[in-house]
C-alpha cells in the first residue's frame, strides 16, 4: 500500500504536470517531509523529482533523482532515477555528476541505455514503460520535454558515459559501439575522448593497427577532456585525452618495432611531465639502447613521488647505475626501493649483491645476498645468492 506521503508526492507531481499554481508549494512540502522520513523513501524522492522536473527546476529535480538512486531499494526505480539524473546532468551539470549517478545504479540500467541511439531523436526512443509505467499522465508530458532539450553536446556526453559504463563492466563490443555514437554525433568537445575509447577497446580486441589510427584521430581532434571517464571512473587527477592517446600510440608504435616514431610520439606526450608518459618514453629509450637519453627522464620521474610510476623509475635508475658498475649510485636507488617495500625488493637486493660481487665489495655482496635469501624463495634468485655467498665465505686456499 502506498504511504500517505507517497500519495501526496504523486498528487504534487500531477499538479506540476498540469501547471497548477499550487504545485510548487505542494512539491516543496513533500520534499521537506521526505527529509524527515528516510526509510522507504525511494518512490517519494522519484515523484518529488518528477514534480520539480515538470516545474522546470532541473537542479532540484536532479538532487531528488540522485536521492532516489541512493536508496537502491527497488532496482526498477533505481535504474529509472539514475537515467533521469544522468539526462539532467548531461543537460545542466558536469560530467562526473553524470557518470556518478549512472554508475551507482544497477547494471540493468545499461540494458535500458542500450536501447537508445543518441544520434537519433530521443523522444521517440525513450518509450513510456522504460521510465515510469505506473503513471502515464506524468511520463507523457515531462519526459518528452526533457529529452527534446538535449543538444549534441549533451547527447555526446550521455553516449560517452554509456561507453564508460560498458568499459568498466568489461563489455568491449558494447563499449566501442557507444564510442562510435559519439564520433557520429561529431561534437568537438568529446570527439577526442571517443576516439581514445575506441582505441583502448580495439587494443583489448587485438586490433592494434586500427587502434593506432584511432589514437591519431584522438590526437588531432578538437577538445580537451579529462580521461577520468574513460579509466573506470577512477578517483584523482588523470591526464587529458590527448596525452593518453599519445602514450597509447607511442606504445603501439614501439610494440610494432617502429622505435623512431615511438620516441617522437612519446617525447611530445611527455612534454607535460605526465608520469605515465615519462615512463613510457624512458623505457623506449632503454629499448633503443640509449641509456644516456633514458637517464634524465627517469630522474624527472622521481619528482613524482606519489605516482605509480615512481617505483619503476627508482628501480631502473638502480639498473642503469649497475650497468655502469657504480655501486654507490646503484645502492642509492635500490636501497630506497627496498626500504619502501615495493614488490620486487628481493630482486633489487639481488642486483645490489651481484654488483657488489662484481666490484669486489665482499661485505656488501654478503649483506645484499643474505637479504635476498631472507625475503624470497624464487629459485633463480636463491640459487645465485647461495652460490655466490658460498664462494665468498669459502676459506682462502680452500
Protein backbone atom coordinates (compact mmCIF):
# COMPACT_ATOMS: atom_id res chain seq x y z
CA UNK A 1 0.00 0.00 0.00
CA UNK A 2 1.27 3.48 -0.81
CA UNK A 3 2.07 5.63 2.20
CA UNK A 4 0.34 8.95 2.78
CA UNK A 5 3.50 10.80 1.79
CA UNK A 6 3.81 8.79 -1.42
CA UNK A 7 0.23 9.65 -2.33
CA UNK A 8 0.90 13.29 -1.54
CA UNK A 9 4.03 13.24 -3.72
CA UNK A 10 2.06 11.72 -6.60
CA UNK A 11 -0.62 14.37 -6.25
CA UNK A 12 2.00 17.12 -6.16
CA UNK A 13 3.66 15.76 -9.30
CA UNK A 14 0.30 15.68 -11.09
CA UNK A 15 -0.30 19.31 -10.10
CA UNK A 16 3.10 20.22 -11.53
CA UNK A 17 2.38 18.47 -14.83
CA UNK A 18 -0.90 20.39 -15.10
CA UNK A 19 0.97 23.64 -14.32
CA UNK A 20 -1.32 24.22 -11.35
CA UNK A 21 -0.32 27.34 -9.31
CA UNK A 22 -0.41 25.23 -6.14
CA UNK A 23 2.15 22.77 -7.47
CA UNK A 24 5.33 24.49 -6.27
CA UNK A 25 4.22 24.60 -2.62
CA UNK A 26 2.94 21.03 -2.77
CA UNK A 27 6.18 19.66 -4.22
CA UNK A 28 8.32 21.62 -1.76
CA UNK A 29 6.24 20.40 1.19
CA UNK A 30 6.70 16.78 0.12
CA UNK A 31 10.42 17.30 -0.20
CA UNK A 32 10.63 18.75 3.32
CA UNK A 33 8.64 15.83 4.74
CA UNK A 34 10.83 13.35 2.89
CA UNK A 35 13.89 14.72 4.66
CA UNK A 36 12.36 13.57 7.97
CA UNK A 37 11.21 10.17 6.69
CA UNK A 38 14.27 8.47 5.26
CA UNK A 39 13.10 4.80 5.30
CA UNK A 40 11.21 3.62 2.18
CA UNK A 41 11.56 6.99 0.51
CA UNK A 42 12.70 5.95 -2.96
CA UNK A 43 9.33 6.30 -4.69
CA UNK A 44 8.66 9.57 -2.91
CA UNK A 45 12.02 11.02 -3.93
CA UNK A 46 11.37 9.92 -7.51
CA UNK A 47 7.92 11.56 -7.59
CA UNK A 48 9.17 14.77 -6.00
CA UNK A 49 11.96 14.88 -8.57
CA UNK A 50 9.41 14.43 -11.33
CA UNK A 51 7.41 17.30 -9.88
CA UNK A 52 10.44 19.59 -9.93
CA UNK A 53 11.15 18.50 -13.48
CA UNK A 54 7.65 19.47 -14.53
CA UNK A 55 8.14 22.82 -12.78
CA UNK A 56 11.29 23.31 -14.89
CA UNK A 57 13.61 23.32 -11.89
CA UNK A 58 16.30 20.89 -13.12
CA UNK A 59 18.81 21.27 -10.27
CA UNK A 60 16.24 20.43 -7.62
CA UNK A 61 14.95 17.58 -9.77
CA UNK A 62 18.46 16.20 -10.21
CA UNK A 63 19.07 16.24 -6.45
CA UNK A 64 15.86 14.31 -5.85
CA UNK A 65 16.65 11.74 -8.53
CA UNK A 66 20.12 11.28 -7.05
CA UNK A 67 18.47 10.72 -3.67
CA UNK A 68 16.19 8.13 -5.25
CA UNK A 69 19.24 6.36 -6.68
CA UNK A 70 20.92 6.31 -3.28
CA UNK A 71 18.09 4.31 -1.67
CA UNK A 72 18.64 1.36 -4.02
CA UNK A 73 15.61 -0.42 -2.54
CA UNK A 74 13.84 -1.14 -5.83
CA UNK A 75 16.12 -1.82 -8.83
CA UNK A 76 13.34 -0.80 -11.20
CA UNK A 77 13.20 2.67 -9.65
CA UNK A 78 16.95 2.92 -9.16
CA UNK A 79 17.55 2.48 -12.88
CA UNK A 80 14.94 4.99 -13.92
CA UNK A 81 16.00 7.57 -11.35
CA UNK A 82 19.60 7.16 -12.49
CA UNK A 83 18.60 7.55 -16.12
CA UNK A 84 16.76 10.79 -15.41
CA UNK A 85 19.59 12.06 -13.20
CA UNK A 86 22.04 11.30 -15.97
CA UNK A 87 19.97 13.05 -18.65
CA UNK A 88 19.60 16.10 -16.42
CA UNK A 89 23.30 16.14 -15.64
CA UNK A 90 24.12 15.94 -19.33
CA UNK A 91 21.96 18.98 -19.97
CA UNK A 92 22.76 21.07 -16.92
CA UNK A 93 25.74 19.80 -14.97
CA UNK A 94 29.25 18.37 -15.19
CA UNK A 95 30.48 15.01 -16.48
CA UNK A 96 31.50 13.48 -13.11
CA UNK A 97 27.99 14.04 -11.78
CA UNK A 98 26.55 12.29 -14.82
CA UNK A 99 28.87 9.33 -14.52
CA UNK A 100 28.43 9.08 -10.77
CA UNK A 101 24.65 8.90 -10.87
CA UNK A 102 24.61 6.24 -13.55
CA UNK A 103 27.48 4.21 -12.18
CA UNK A 104 25.74 3.76 -8.83
CA UNK A 105 22.63 2.37 -10.47
CA UNK A 106 22.11 -1.33 -11.01
CA UNK A 107 23.59 -2.96 -14.10
CA UNK A 108 20.10 -3.21 -15.60
CA UNK A 109 20.42 0.48 -16.48
CA UNK A 110 22.92 -0.45 -19.17
CA UNK A 111 20.25 -2.54 -20.88
CA UNK A 112 17.95 0.48 -20.84
CA UNK A 113 20.64 2.74 -22.28
CA UNK A 114 21.49 0.18 -24.95
CA UNK A 115 18.02 0.66 -26.39
CA UNK A 116 18.79 4.32 -27.04
CA UNK A 117 20.58 5.61 -30.13
CA UNK A 118 21.86 9.02 -29.10
CA UNK A 119 22.45 10.06 -32.70
CA UNK A 120 18.71 9.89 -33.43
CA UNK A 121 15.63 11.50 -31.91
CA UNK A 122 15.46 10.57 -28.25
CA UNK A 123 11.81 11.40 -27.68
CA UNK A 124 10.56 8.58 -29.85
CA UNK A 125 13.02 6.06 -28.39
CA UNK A 126 12.55 6.52 -24.64
CA UNK A 127 9.25 4.69 -24.52
CA UNK A 128 6.80 5.26 -21.72
CA UNK A 129 7.28 1.97 -19.89
CA UNK A 130 11.06 2.47 -19.74
CA UNK A 131 10.70 5.38 -17.36
CA UNK A 132 7.58 5.31 -15.21
CA UNK A 133 4.98 2.72 -16.22
CA UNK A 134 2.56 3.37 -13.34
CA UNK A 135 1.61 6.96 -14.14
CA UNK A 136 1.18 7.75 -17.86
CA UNK A 137 -0.02 11.27 -17.15
CA UNK A 138 3.43 12.10 -15.79
CA UNK A 139 5.60 10.42 -18.40
CA UNK A 140 3.60 11.67 -21.38
CA UNK A 141 4.41 15.30 -20.61
CA UNK A 142 7.63 15.65 -18.68
CA UNK A 143 9.99 13.17 -20.32
CA UNK A 144 9.42 14.33 -23.91
CA UNK A 145 10.10 17.88 -22.78
CA UNK A 146 13.34 16.80 -21.12
CA UNK A 147 14.78 14.80 -23.97
CA UNK A 148 13.93 17.38 -26.62
CA UNK A 149 16.13 19.88 -24.78
CA UNK A 150 19.22 17.71 -25.12
CA UNK A 151 21.63 19.20 -27.62
CA UNK A 152 24.50 17.46 -29.44
CA UNK A 153 26.90 18.16 -26.58
CA UNK A 154 24.60 16.55 -24.03
CA UNK A 155 23.88 13.58 -26.25
CA UNK A 156 27.59 13.11 -26.84
CA UNK A 157 28.32 13.18 -23.12
CA UNK A 158 25.50 10.73 -22.47
CA UNK A 159 26.82 8.30 -25.07
CA UNK A 160 30.36 8.73 -23.71
CA UNK A 161 29.16 7.82 -20.24
CA UNK A 162 27.49 4.75 -21.68
CA UNK A 163 30.90 3.87 -23.11
CA UNK A 164 32.46 4.29 -19.65
CA UNK A 165 29.89 2.00 -18.05
CA UNK A 166 30.43 -0.73 -20.62
CA UNK A 167 34.20 -0.27 -20.33
CA UNK A 168 34.02 -0.63 -16.54
CA UNK A 169 31.92 -3.80 -16.86
CA UNK A 170 34.26 -5.34 -19.42
CA UNK A 171 31.87 -5.38 -22.38
CA UNK A 172 34.22 -4.20 -25.12
CA UNK A 173 31.84 -4.71 -28.04
CA UNK A 174 29.12 -2.57 -26.48
CA UNK A 175 31.70 -0.01 -25.31
CA UNK A 176 33.05 0.58 -28.80
CA UNK A 177 29.51 0.90 -30.20
CA UNK A 178 28.79 3.65 -27.68
CA UNK A 179 32.03 5.45 -28.53
CA UNK A 180 31.17 5.32 -32.22
CA UNK A 181 27.91 7.08 -31.39
CA UNK A 182 29.92 9.98 -30.01
CA UNK A 183 32.00 10.09 -33.19
CA UNK A 184 28.86 10.10 -35.30
CA UNK A 185 27.38 12.98 -33.30
CA UNK A 186 30.58 14.90 -34.01
CA UNK A 187 30.52 17.33 -31.09
CA UNK A 188 34.11 18.64 -30.83
CA UNK A 189 34.32 18.61 -27.03
CA UNK A 190 34.09 14.82 -26.84
CA UNK A 191 35.45 13.61 -30.17
CA UNK A 192 38.98 13.05 -28.86
CA UNK A 193 37.65 11.13 -25.86
CA UNK A 194 35.53 8.91 -28.10
CA UNK A 195 38.45 8.12 -30.39
CA UNK A 196 40.58 7.23 -27.37
CA UNK A 197 37.82 4.96 -26.11
CA UNK A 198 37.65 3.23 -29.47
CA UNK A 199 41.44 2.78 -29.46
CA UNK A 200 41.51 1.27 -25.97
CA UNK A 201 38.71 -1.12 -26.82
CA UNK A 202 40.29 -2.20 -30.12
CA UNK A 203 43.53 -3.00 -28.29
CA UNK A 204 41.62 -5.32 -25.98
CA UNK A 205 40.20 -6.97 -29.10
CA UNK A 206 43.69 -7.38 -30.58
CA UNK A 207 43.28 -4.90 -33.44
CA UNK A 208 46.36 -2.78 -32.77
CA UNK A 209 46.64 -1.38 -36.30
CA UNK A 210 43.17 0.15 -36.24
CA UNK A 211 43.72 1.23 -32.65
CA UNK A 212 46.77 3.22 -33.74
CA UNK A 213 44.67 5.01 -36.35
CA UNK A 214 42.07 5.83 -33.67
CA UNK A 215 44.84 7.28 -31.49
CA UNK A 216 45.89 9.52 -34.37
CA UNK A 217 42.31 10.74 -34.65
CA UNK A 218 42.26 11.47 -30.90
CA UNK A 219 45.48 13.45 -31.16
CA UNK A 220 44.17 15.64 -33.96
CA UNK A 221 40.59 16.06 -32.71
CA UNK A 222 39.44 19.24 -31.04
CA UNK A 223 38.58 19.48 -27.38
CA UNK A 224 40.49 18.94 -24.15
CA UNK A 225 38.66 16.49 -21.93
CA UNK A 226 39.71 14.67 -18.79
CA UNK A 227 40.36 11.00 -19.34
CA UNK A 228 38.72 10.24 -15.99
CA UNK A 229 35.52 8.95 -17.55
CA UNK A 230 37.43 6.55 -19.74
CA UNK A 231 39.50 4.96 -16.99
CA UNK A 232 36.97 3.07 -14.96
CA UNK A 233 35.76 6.27 -13.26
CA UNK A 234 38.95 6.31 -11.19
CA UNK A 235 39.35 8.89 -8.47
CA UNK A 236 42.02 11.55 -8.62
CA UNK A 237 43.58 13.57 -11.42
CA UNK A 238 44.03 11.98 -14.81
CA UNK A 239 45.85 13.03 -17.92
CA UNK A 240 43.89 14.73 -20.66
CA UNK A 241 42.75 12.64 -23.58
CA UNK A 242 45.45 13.83 -25.98
CA UNK A 243 48.20 12.82 -23.53
CA UNK A 244 46.59 9.43 -23.01
CA UNK A 245 46.26 8.95 -26.77
CA UNK A 246 49.89 9.92 -27.29
CA UNK A 247 51.07 7.40 -24.70
CA UNK A 248 48.93 4.68 -26.21
CA UNK A 249 50.05 5.44 -29.77
CA UNK A 250 53.70 5.57 -28.75
CA UNK A 251 53.48 2.20 -27.04
CA UNK A 252 51.72 0.71 -30.08
CA UNK A 253 54.46 2.04 -32.35
CA UNK A 254 57.12 0.69 -30.01
CA UNK A 255 55.49 -2.74 -29.88
CA UNK A 256 55.35 -2.75 -33.68
CA UNK A 257 59.12 -2.15 -33.80
CA UNK A 258 58.98 1.47 -35.01
CA UNK A 259 61.15 2.95 -32.27
CA UNK A 260 61.85 6.19 -34.14
CA UNK A 261 58.15 7.06 -34.43
CA UNK A 262 57.52 5.88 -30.87
CA UNK A 263 60.20 8.20 -29.50
CA UNK A 264 58.80 11.15 -31.44
CA UNK A 265 55.26 10.46 -30.23
CA UNK A 266 56.22 9.84 -26.61
CA UNK A 267 58.53 12.85 -26.43
CA UNK A 268 55.57 15.03 -27.37
CA UNK A 269 53.25 13.24 -24.93
CA UNK A 270 55.75 13.70 -22.08
CA UNK A 271 56.04 17.46 -22.51
CA UNK A 272 53.54 17.99 -19.72
CA UNK A 273 55.53 15.72 -17.35
CA UNK A 274 52.73 13.18 -17.06
CA UNK A 275 54.26 10.23 -15.13
CA UNK A 276 52.89 7.54 -17.45
CA UNK A 277 54.23 9.39 -20.48
CA UNK A 278 57.64 9.88 -18.86
CA UNK A 279 57.90 6.19 -18.01
CA UNK A 280 56.90 5.08 -21.50
CA UNK A 281 59.46 7.47 -23.01
CA UNK A 282 62.28 6.33 -20.73
CA UNK A 283 61.51 2.66 -21.35
CA UNK A 284 61.54 3.26 -25.10
CA UNK A 285 64.95 4.94 -24.87
CA UNK A 286 66.13 1.87 -22.98
CA UNK A 287 64.73 -0.41 -25.66
CA UNK A 288 66.54 1.65 -28.29
CA UNK A 289 69.78 1.11 -26.36
CA UNK A 290 70.15 4.77 -25.40
CA UNK A 291 70.65 4.70 -21.64
CA UNK A 292 72.07 8.24 -21.67
CA UNK A 293 68.75 9.57 -23.01
CA UNK A 294 66.67 7.43 -20.64
CA UNK A 295 68.58 8.51 -17.51
CA UNK A 296 67.31 12.12 -17.23
CA UNK A 297 63.75 11.01 -18.00
CA UNK A 298 63.81 8.50 -15.13
CA UNK A 299 65.33 11.21 -12.92
CA UNK A 300 62.47 13.55 -13.85
CA UNK A 301 60.02 10.83 -12.97
CA UNK A 302 61.42 10.54 -9.43
CA UNK A 303 60.00 14.01 -8.77
CA UNK A 304 56.53 12.40 -8.91
CA UNK A 305 56.75 10.52 -5.63
CA UNK A 306 53.01 9.88 -5.38
CA UNK A 307 52.71 8.36 -8.84
CA UNK A 308 52.50 4.66 -9.59
CA UNK A 309 55.50 5.04 -11.90
CA UNK A 310 57.81 6.37 -9.17
CA UNK A 311 58.95 2.93 -8.03
CA UNK A 312 59.77 1.86 -11.59
CA UNK A 313 61.90 4.97 -12.06
CA UNK A 314 63.93 4.15 -8.93
CA UNK A 315 64.38 0.53 -9.98
CA UNK A 316 65.55 1.46 -13.46
CA UNK A 317 67.92 4.13 -12.18
CA UNK A 318 69.42 1.42 -9.99
CA UNK A 319 69.82 -0.83 -13.04
CA UNK A 320 71.47 1.94 -15.05
CA UNK A 321 73.97 2.54 -12.28
CA UNK A 322 74.61 -1.20 -12.07
CA UNK A 323 75.37 -1.29 -15.80
CA UNK A 324 77.96 1.47 -15.20
CA UNK A 325 79.44 -0.51 -12.28
CA UNK A 326 78.58 2.44 -9.99
CA UNK A 327 77.90 0.76 -6.67
CA UNK A 328 77.22 3.92 -4.60
CA UNK A 329 74.70 5.25 -7.14
CA UNK A 330 73.04 1.87 -7.59
CA UNK A 331 72.83 1.48 -3.83
CA UNK A 332 71.23 4.91 -3.57
CA UNK A 333 68.29 3.94 -5.77
CA UNK A 334 67.90 0.27 -4.97
CA UNK A 335 68.09 0.83 -1.23
CA UNK A 336 65.31 3.45 -1.44
CA UNK A 337 63.27 0.94 -3.40
CA UNK A 338 63.94 -1.79 -0.85
CA UNK A 339 63.20 0.45 2.15
CA UNK A 340 59.86 1.41 0.60
CA UNK A 341 58.92 -2.28 0.48
CA UNK A 342 57.97 -2.36 -3.19
CA UNK A 343 57.08 -5.74 -4.67
CA UNK A 344 60.41 -6.51 -6.34
CA UNK A 345 62.58 -5.62 -3.34
CA UNK A 346 64.25 -9.09 -3.22
CA UNK A 347 65.24 -8.67 -6.88
CA UNK A 348 66.62 -5.20 -6.15
CA UNK A 349 68.73 -6.69 -3.36
CA UNK A 350 69.93 -9.45 -5.70
CA UNK A 351 71.05 -6.80 -8.21
CA UNK A 352 72.99 -5.00 -5.49
CA UNK A 353 74.54 -8.25 -4.33
CA UNK A 354 75.65 -9.06 -7.87
CA UNK A 355 77.09 -5.58 -8.45
CA UNK A 356 78.97 -5.66 -5.14
CA UNK A 357 80.32 -9.09 -6.12
CA UNK A 358 81.47 -7.73 -9.49
CA UNK A 359 83.35 -4.78 -7.97
CA UNK A 360 84.87 -6.85 -5.16
CA UNK A 361 82.93 -5.44 -2.17
CA UNK A 362 82.62 -8.67 -0.21
CA UNK A 363 80.72 -7.30 2.80
CA UNK A 364 78.13 -5.51 0.67
CA UNK A 365 77.68 -8.59 -1.51
CA UNK A 366 77.12 -10.82 1.52
CA UNK A 367 74.70 -8.32 3.04
CA UNK A 368 72.50 -8.00 -0.03
CA UNK A 369 72.59 -11.69 -0.95
CA UNK A 370 71.56 -12.57 2.61
CA UNK A 371 68.69 -10.07 2.33
CA UNK A 372 67.63 -11.81 -0.87
CA UNK A 373 67.60 -15.21 0.82
CA UNK A 374 65.63 -13.83 3.76
CA UNK A 375 62.89 -12.37 1.56
CA UNK A 376 62.30 -14.72 -1.38
CA UNK A 377 62.14 -18.37 -2.33
CA UNK A 378 62.31 -17.72 -6.07
CA UNK A 379 64.69 -20.46 -7.31
CA UNK A 380 66.70 -18.34 -9.73
CA UNK A 381 67.45 -15.70 -7.07
CA UNK A 382 68.02 -18.22 -4.28
CA UNK A 383 70.41 -20.32 -6.38
CA UNK A 384 72.60 -17.36 -7.34
CA UNK A 385 72.64 -15.94 -3.80
CA UNK A 386 73.60 -19.28 -2.23
CA UNK A 387 76.34 -19.97 -4.78
CA UNK A 388 77.89 -16.52 -4.51
CA UNK A 389 77.74 -16.49 -0.70
CA UNK A 390 79.35 -19.93 -0.55
CA UNK A 391 82.12 -18.70 -2.80
CA UNK A 392 82.68 -15.51 -0.77
CA UNK A 393 82.68 -17.40 2.53
CA UNK A 394 84.98 -20.16 1.33
CA UNK A 395 88.29 -20.06 3.24
CA UNK A 396 91.23 -18.77 1.27
CA UNK A 397 93.18 -21.52 -0.40
CA UNK A 398 90.31 -23.93 0.14
